[in-house]
PDB file of N, CA and C in Angstrom:
ATOM      1  N   UNK A   1       0.854  -1.180   0.000  1.00  0.00           N
ATOM      2  CA  UNK A   1       0.000   0.000   0.000  1.00  0.00           C
ATOM      3  C   UNK A   1       0.898   1.241   0.000  1.00  0.00           C
ATOM      4  N   UNK A   2       0.641   2.149  -0.889  1.00  0.00           N
ATOM      5  CA  UNK A   2       1.491   3.324  -1.072  1.00  0.00           C
ATOM      6  C   UNK A   2       1.488   4.229   0.168  1.00  0.00           C
ATOM      7  N   UNK A   3       0.363   4.319   0.847  1.00  0.00           N
ATOM      8  CA  UNK A   3       0.293   5.160   2.053  1.00  0.00           C
ATOM      9  C   UNK A   3       1.233   4.623   3.124  1.00  0.00           C
ATOM     10  N   UNK A   4       1.325   3.295   3.236  1.00  0.00           N
ATOM     11  CA  UNK A   4       2.235   2.696   4.208  1.00  0.00           C
ATOM     12  C   UNK A   4       3.684   3.060   3.901  1.00  0.00           C
ATOM     13  N   UNK A   5       4.041   3.032   2.639  1.00  0.00           N
ATOM     14  CA  UNK A   5       5.428   3.352   2.255  1.00  0.00           C
ATOM     15  C   UNK A   5       5.757   4.822   2.496  1.00  0.00           C
ATOM     16  N   UNK A   6       4.816   5.703   2.209  1.00  0.00           N
ATOM     17  CA  UNK A   6       5.030   7.133   2.469  1.00  0.00           C
ATOM     18  C   UNK A   6       5.151   7.371   3.972  1.00  0.00           C
ATOM     19  N   UNK A   7       4.269   6.732   4.735  1.00  0.00           N
ATOM     20  CA  UNK A   7       4.318   6.872   6.192  1.00  0.00           C
ATOM     21  C   UNK A   7       5.642   6.349   6.739  1.00  0.00           C
ATOM     22  N   UNK A   8       6.094   5.215   6.221  1.00  0.00           N
ATOM     23  CA  UNK A   8       7.364   4.656   6.673  1.00  0.00           C
ATOM     24  C   UNK A   8       8.519   5.601   6.362  1.00  0.00           C
ATOM     25  N   UNK A   9       8.520   6.176   5.177  1.00  0.00           N
ATOM     26  CA  UNK A   9       9.564   7.130   4.808  1.00  0.00           C
ATOM     27  C   UNK A   9       9.580   8.330   5.754  1.00  0.00           C
ATOM     28  N   UNK A  10       8.404   8.866   6.053  1.00  0.00           N
ATOM     29  CA  UNK A  10       8.325  10.017   6.958  1.00  0.00           C
ATOM     30  C   UNK A  10       8.764   9.664   8.376  1.00  0.00           C
ATOM     31  N   UNK A  11       8.423   8.467   8.823  1.00  0.00           N
ATOM     32  CA  UNK A  11       8.847   8.051  10.162  1.00  0.00           C
ATOM     33  C   UNK A  11      10.368   7.860  10.202  1.00  0.00           C
ATOM     34  N   UNK A  12      10.947   7.359   9.133  1.00  0.00           N
ATOM     35  CA  UNK A  12      12.404   7.232   9.072  1.00  0.00           C
ATOM     36  C   UNK A  12      13.058   8.613   9.113  1.00  0.00           C
ATOM     37  N   UNK A  13      12.489   9.567   8.382  1.00  0.00           N
ATOM     38  CA  UNK A  13      13.001  10.944   8.444  1.00  0.00           C
ATOM     39  C   UNK A  13      12.922  11.474   9.872  1.00  0.00           C
ATOM     40  N   UNK A  14      11.807  11.222  10.530  1.00  0.00           N
ATOM     41  CA  UNK A  14      11.658  11.658  11.916  1.00  0.00           C
ATOM     42  C   UNK A  14      12.661  10.989  12.842  1.00  0.00           C
ATOM     43  N   UNK A  15      12.914   9.700  12.622  1.00  0.00           N
ATOM     44  CA  UNK A  15      13.874   8.982  13.460  1.00  0.00           C
ATOM     45  C   UNK A  15      15.288   9.525  13.281  1.00  0.00           C
ATOM     46  N   UNK A  16      15.648   9.806  12.038  1.00  0.00           N
ATOM     47  CA  UNK A  16      16.971  10.379  11.781  1.00  0.00           C
ATOM     48  C   UNK A  16      17.073  11.762  12.427  1.00  0.00           C
ATOM     49  N   UNK A  17      16.016  12.543  12.328  1.00  0.00           N
ATOM     50  CA  UNK A  17      16.020  13.871  12.940  1.00  0.00           C
ATOM     51  C   UNK A  17      16.158  13.769  14.454  1.00  0.00           C
ATOM     52  N   UNK A  18      15.383  12.875  15.086  1.00  0.00           N
ATOM     53  CA  UNK A  18      15.487  12.701  16.535  1.00  0.00           C
ATOM     54  C   UNK A  18      16.856  12.175  16.943  1.00  0.00           C
ATOM     55  N   UNK A  19      17.428  11.311  16.116  1.00  0.00           N
ATOM     56  CA  UNK A  19      18.782  10.827  16.396  1.00  0.00           C
ATOM     57  C   UNK A  19      19.794  11.951  16.368  1.00  0.00           C
ATOM     58  N   UNK A  20      19.662  12.843  15.397  1.00  0.00           N
ATOM     59  CA  UNK A  20      20.594  13.965  15.321  1.00  0.00           C
ATOM     60  C   UNK A  20      20.398  14.937  16.486  1.00  0.00           C
ATOM     61  N   UNK A  21      19.167  15.066  16.953  1.00  0.00           N
ATOM     62  CA  UNK A  21      18.923  15.911  18.130  1.00  0.00           C
ATOM     63  C   UNK A  21      19.554  15.280  19.363  1.00  0.00           C
ATOM     64  N   UNK A  22      19.330  13.972  19.524  1.00  0.00           N
ATOM     65  CA  UNK A  22      19.867  13.290  20.706  1.00  0.00           C
ATOM     66  C   UNK A  22      21.380  13.210  20.724  1.00  0.00           C
ATOM     67  N   UNK A  23      21.988  12.945  19.581  1.00  0.00           N
ATOM     68  CA  UNK A  23      23.435  12.765  19.536  1.00  0.00           C
ATOM     69  C   UNK A  23      24.207  14.072  19.405  1.00  0.00           C
ATOM     70  N   UNK A  24      23.676  14.997  18.624  1.00  0.00           N
ATOM     71  CA  UNK A  24      24.438  16.200  18.287  1.00  0.00           C
ATOM     72  C   UNK A  24      23.756  17.503  18.682  1.00  0.00           C
ATOM     73  N   UNK A  25      22.567  17.414  19.287  1.00  0.00           N
ATOM     74  CA  UNK A  25      21.788  18.599  19.633  1.00  0.00           C
ATOM     75  C   UNK A  25      21.569  19.474  18.395  1.00  0.00           C
ATOM     76  N   UNK A  26      21.246  18.809  17.270  1.00  0.00           N
ATOM     77  CA  UNK A  26      21.074  19.499  15.993  1.00  0.00           C
ATOM     78  C   UNK A  26      19.786  19.023  15.341  1.00  0.00           C
ATOM     79  N   UNK A  27      18.848  19.936  15.123  1.00  0.00           N
ATOM     80  CA  UNK A  27      17.558  19.625  14.516  1.00  0.00           C
ATOM     81  C   UNK A  27      17.657  19.856  13.007  1.00  0.00           C
ATOM     82  N   UNK A  28      17.734  18.760  12.249  1.00  0.00           N
ATOM     83  CA  UNK A  28      17.915  18.848  10.797  1.00  0.00           C
ATOM     84  C   UNK A  28      16.730  19.535  10.125  1.00  0.00           C
ATOM     85  N   UNK A  29      15.518  19.168  10.525  1.00  0.00           N
ATOM     86  CA  UNK A  29      14.315  19.753   9.913  1.00  0.00           C
ATOM     87  C   UNK A  29      14.282  21.264  10.136  1.00  0.00           C
ATOM     88  N   UNK A  30      14.538  21.688  11.361  1.00  0.00           N
ATOM     89  CA  UNK A  30      14.546  23.123  11.667  1.00  0.00           C
ATOM     90  C   UNK A  30      15.645  23.835  10.887  1.00  0.00           C
ATOM     91  N   UNK A  31      16.783  23.194  10.743  1.00  0.00           N
ATOM     92  CA  UNK A  31      17.899  23.796  10.004  1.00  0.00           C
ATOM     93  C   UNK A  31      17.531  23.980   8.533  1.00  0.00           C
ATOM     94  N   UNK A  32      16.906  22.958   7.943  1.00  0.00           N
ATOM     95  CA  UNK A  32      16.556  23.036   6.521  1.00  0.00           C
ATOM     96  C   UNK A  32      15.496  24.101   6.267  1.00  0.00           C
ATOM     97  N   UNK A  33      14.500  24.175   7.156  1.00  0.00           N
ATOM     98  CA  UNK A  33      13.353  25.042   6.908  1.00  0.00           C
ATOM     99  C   UNK A  33      13.380  26.361   7.682  1.00  0.00           C
ATOM    100  N   UNK A  34      14.477  26.678   8.370  1.00  0.00           N
ATOM    101  CA  UNK A  34      14.625  27.998   8.966  1.00  0.00           C
ATOM    102  C   UNK A  34      14.166  28.132  10.404  1.00  0.00           C
ATOM    103  N   UNK A  35      13.996  27.055  11.120  1.00  0.00           N
ATOM    104  CA  UNK A  35      13.624  27.115  12.534  1.00  0.00           C
ATOM    105  C   UNK A  35      12.432  26.236  12.846  1.00  0.00           C
ATOM    106  N   UNK A  36      12.290  25.910  14.136  1.00  0.00           N
ATOM    107  CA  UNK A  36      11.200  25.030  14.556  1.00  0.00           C
ATOM    108  C   UNK A  36       9.837  25.665  14.411  1.00  0.00           C
ATOM    109  N   UNK A  37       9.759  26.965  14.510  1.00  0.00           N
ATOM    110  CA  UNK A  37       8.478  27.647  14.451  1.00  0.00           C
ATOM    111  C   UNK A  37       7.993  27.961  13.039  1.00  0.00           C
ATOM    112  N   UNK A  38       8.828  27.713  12.056  1.00  0.00           N
ATOM    113  CA  UNK A  38       8.435  27.998  10.668  1.00  0.00           C
ATOM    114  C   UNK A  38       7.331  27.037  10.237  1.00  0.00           C
ATOM    115  N   UNK A  39       6.456  27.505   9.387  1.00  0.00           N
ATOM    116  CA  UNK A  39       5.311  26.712   8.938  1.00  0.00           C
ATOM    117  C   UNK A  39       5.746  25.394   8.298  1.00  0.00           C
ATOM    118  N   UNK A  40       6.764  25.439   7.455  1.00  0.00           N
ATOM    119  CA  UNK A  40       7.220  24.213   6.780  1.00  0.00           C
ATOM    120  C   UNK A  40       7.715  23.185   7.795  1.00  0.00           C
ATOM    121  N   UNK A  41       8.472  23.617   8.802  1.00  0.00           N
ATOM    122  CA  UNK A  41       8.947  22.704   9.846  1.00  0.00           C
ATOM    123  C   UNK A  41       7.782  22.094  10.591  1.00  0.00           C
ATOM    124  N   UNK A  42       6.824  22.918  10.935  1.00  0.00           N
ATOM    125  CA  UNK A  42       5.656  22.417  11.684  1.00  0.00           C
ATOM    126  C   UNK A  42       4.860  21.420  10.855  1.00  0.00           C
ATOM    127  N   UNK A  43       4.780  21.635   9.550  1.00  0.00           N
ATOM    128  CA  UNK A  43       4.087  20.691   8.671  1.00  0.00           C
ATOM    129  C   UNK A  43       4.832  19.356   8.655  1.00  0.00           C
ATOM    130  N   UNK A  44       6.160  19.396   8.517  1.00  0.00           N
ATOM    131  CA  UNK A  44       6.954  18.161   8.518  1.00  0.00           C
ATOM    132  C   UNK A  44       6.788  17.427   9.840  1.00  0.00           C
ATOM    133  N   UNK A  45       6.898  18.141  10.962  1.00  0.00           N
ATOM    134  CA  UNK A  45       6.720  17.512  12.276  1.00  0.00           C
ATOM    135  C   UNK A  45       5.337  16.870  12.383  1.00  0.00           C
ATOM    136  N   UNK A  46       4.322  17.561  11.903  1.00  0.00           N
ATOM    137  CA  UNK A  46       2.952  17.030  11.967  1.00  0.00           C
ATOM    138  C   UNK A  46       2.794  15.803  11.076  1.00  0.00           C
ATOM    139  N   UNK A  47       3.364  15.834   9.875  1.00  0.00           N
ATOM    140  CA  UNK A  47       3.280  14.676   8.982  1.00  0.00           C
ATOM    141  C   UNK A  47       4.004  13.466   9.559  1.00  0.00           C
ATOM    142  N   UNK A  48       5.135  13.696  10.210  1.00  0.00           N
ATOM    143  CA  UNK A  48       5.859  12.591  10.860  1.00  0.00           C
ATOM    144  C   UNK A  48       5.009  11.992  11.979  1.00  0.00           C
ATOM    145  N   UNK A  49       4.378  12.849  12.772  1.00  0.00           N
ATOM    146  CA  UNK A  49       3.524  12.361  13.862  1.00  0.00           C
ATOM    147  C   UNK A  49       2.325  11.576  13.333  1.00  0.00           C
ATOM    148  N   UNK A  50       1.669  12.100  12.313  1.00  0.00           N
ATOM    149  CA  UNK A  50       0.517  11.410  11.720  1.00  0.00           C
ATOM    150  C   UNK A  50       0.963  10.078  11.123  1.00  0.00           C
ATOM    151  N   UNK A  51       2.139  10.060  10.499  1.00  0.00           N
ATOM    152  CA  UNK A  51       2.663   8.824   9.923  1.00  0.00           C
ATOM    153  C   UNK A  51       2.923   7.778  11.000  1.00  0.00           C
ATOM    154  N   UNK A  52       3.478   8.210  12.114  1.00  0.00           N
ATOM    155  CA  UNK A  52       3.700   7.286  13.229  1.00  0.00           C
ATOM    156  C   UNK A  52       2.402   6.692  13.726  1.00  0.00           C
ATOM    157  N   UNK A  53       1.382   7.518  13.840  1.00  0.00           N
ATOM    158  CA  UNK A  53       0.073   7.014  14.267  1.00  0.00           C
ATOM    159  C   UNK A  53      -0.506   6.059  13.229  1.00  0.00           C
ATOM    160  N   UNK A  54      -0.330   6.372  11.953  1.00  0.00           N
ATOM    161  CA  UNK A  54      -0.821   5.501  10.882  1.00  0.00           C
ATOM    162  C   UNK A  54      -0.157   4.120  10.958  1.00  0.00           C
ATOM    163  N   UNK A  55       1.145   4.113  11.217  1.00  0.00           N
ATOM    164  CA  UNK A  55       1.882   2.853  11.230  1.00  0.00           C
ATOM    165  C   UNK A  55       1.535   1.966  12.425  1.00  0.00           C
ATOM    166  N   UNK A  56       0.900   2.526  13.444  1.00  0.00           N
ATOM    167  CA  UNK A  56       0.403   1.695  14.542  1.00  0.00           C
ATOM    168  C   UNK A  56      -0.566   0.650  14.005  1.00  0.00           C
ATOM    169  N   UNK A  57      -1.263   0.999  12.929  1.00  0.00           N
ATOM    170  CA  UNK A  57      -2.240   0.068  12.356  1.00  0.00           C
ATOM    171  C   UNK A  57      -1.583  -1.214  11.843  1.00  0.00           C
ATOM    172  N   UNK A  58      -0.288  -1.186  11.574  1.00  0.00           N
ATOM    173  CA  UNK A  58       0.407  -2.391  11.121  1.00  0.00           C
ATOM    174  C   UNK A  58       0.337  -3.513  12.161  1.00  0.00           C
ATOM    175  N   UNK A  59       0.279  -3.162  13.426  1.00  0.00           N
ATOM    176  CA  UNK A  59       0.186  -4.167  14.485  1.00  0.00           C
ATOM    177  C   UNK A  59      -1.124  -4.941  14.419  1.00  0.00           C
ATOM    178  N   UNK A  60      -2.148  -4.362  13.846  1.00  0.00           N
ATOM    179  CA  UNK A  60      -3.479  -4.956  13.878  1.00  0.00           C
ATOM    180  C   UNK A  60      -3.928  -5.518  12.532  1.00  0.00           C
ATOM    181  N   UNK A  61      -3.069  -5.469  11.540  1.00  0.00           N
ATOM    182  CA  UNK A  61      -3.416  -5.987  10.219  1.00  0.00           C
ATOM    183  C   UNK A  61      -2.980  -7.438  10.083  1.00  0.00           C
ATOM    184  N   UNK A  62      -3.741  -8.176   9.306  1.00  0.00           N
ATOM    185  CA  UNK A  62      -3.346  -9.544   8.988  1.00  0.00           C
ATOM    186  C   UNK A  62      -2.350  -9.493   7.847  1.00  0.00           C
ATOM    187  N   UNK A  63      -1.329 -10.319   7.947  1.00  0.00           N
ATOM    188  CA  UNK A  63      -0.320 -10.384   6.889  1.00  0.00           C
ATOM    189  C   UNK A  63      -0.823 -11.247   5.751  1.00  0.00           C
ATOM    190  N   UNK A  64      -0.495 -10.819   4.554  1.00  0.00           N
ATOM    191  CA  UNK A  64      -0.814 -11.620   3.386  1.00  0.00           C
ATOM    192  C   UNK A  64       0.372 -12.536   3.118  1.00  0.00           C
ATOM    193  N   UNK A  65       0.079 -13.794   2.909  1.00  0.00           N
ATOM    194  CA  UNK A  65       1.138 -14.755   2.630  1.00  0.00           C
ATOM    195  C   UNK A  65       1.355 -14.808   1.121  1.00  0.00           C
ATOM    196  N   UNK A  66       2.574 -14.545   0.705  1.00  0.00           N
ATOM    197  CA  UNK A  66       2.890 -14.554  -0.721  1.00  0.00           C
ATOM    198  C   UNK A  66       3.007 -16.000  -1.212  1.00  0.00           C
ATOM    199  N   UNK A  67       2.589 -16.220  -2.417  1.00  0.00           N
ATOM    200  CA  UNK A  67       2.717 -17.547  -3.009  1.00  0.00           C
ATOM    201  C   UNK A  67       4.191 -17.833  -3.296  1.00  0.00           C
ATOM    202  N   UNK A  68       4.624 -19.070  -3.119  1.00  0.00           N
ATOM    203  CA  UNK A  68       6.033 -19.392  -3.382  1.00  0.00           C
ATOM    204  C   UNK A  68       6.352 -19.235  -4.877  1.00  0.00           C
ATOM    205  N   UNK A  69       7.561 -18.833  -5.137  1.00  0.00           N
ATOM    206  CA  UNK A  69       7.987 -18.649  -6.524  1.00  0.00           C
ATOM    207  C   UNK A  69       8.163 -19.990  -7.196  1.00  0.00           C
ATOM    208  N   UNK A  70       7.781 -20.065  -8.434  1.00  0.00           N
ATOM    209  CA  UNK A  70       7.906 -21.303  -9.206  1.00  0.00           C
ATOM    210  C   UNK A  70       9.125 -21.192 -10.110  1.00  0.00           C
ATOM    211  N   UNK A  71      10.281 -21.544  -9.585  1.00  0.00           N
ATOM    212  CA  UNK A  71      11.530 -21.467 -10.374  1.00  0.00           C
ATOM    213  C   UNK A  71      11.806 -22.763 -11.063  1.00  0.00           C
TER     214      UNK A  71
END
């Protein structure tokens, strides 16, 4: 599902950003968009949060079993 992949990408961006904050005290998103209070930064932060909430649904979905390849 394309929404899952977009959400995963945004959560990875958020994880890298949080890692840089924790390790280096450097907020990559704020640096790129001109500060934490800038509209673009707030949009990115909000999209990362919504993506994290979306991905919680993965815990409750049934997995589809792929058919074995016929080589």
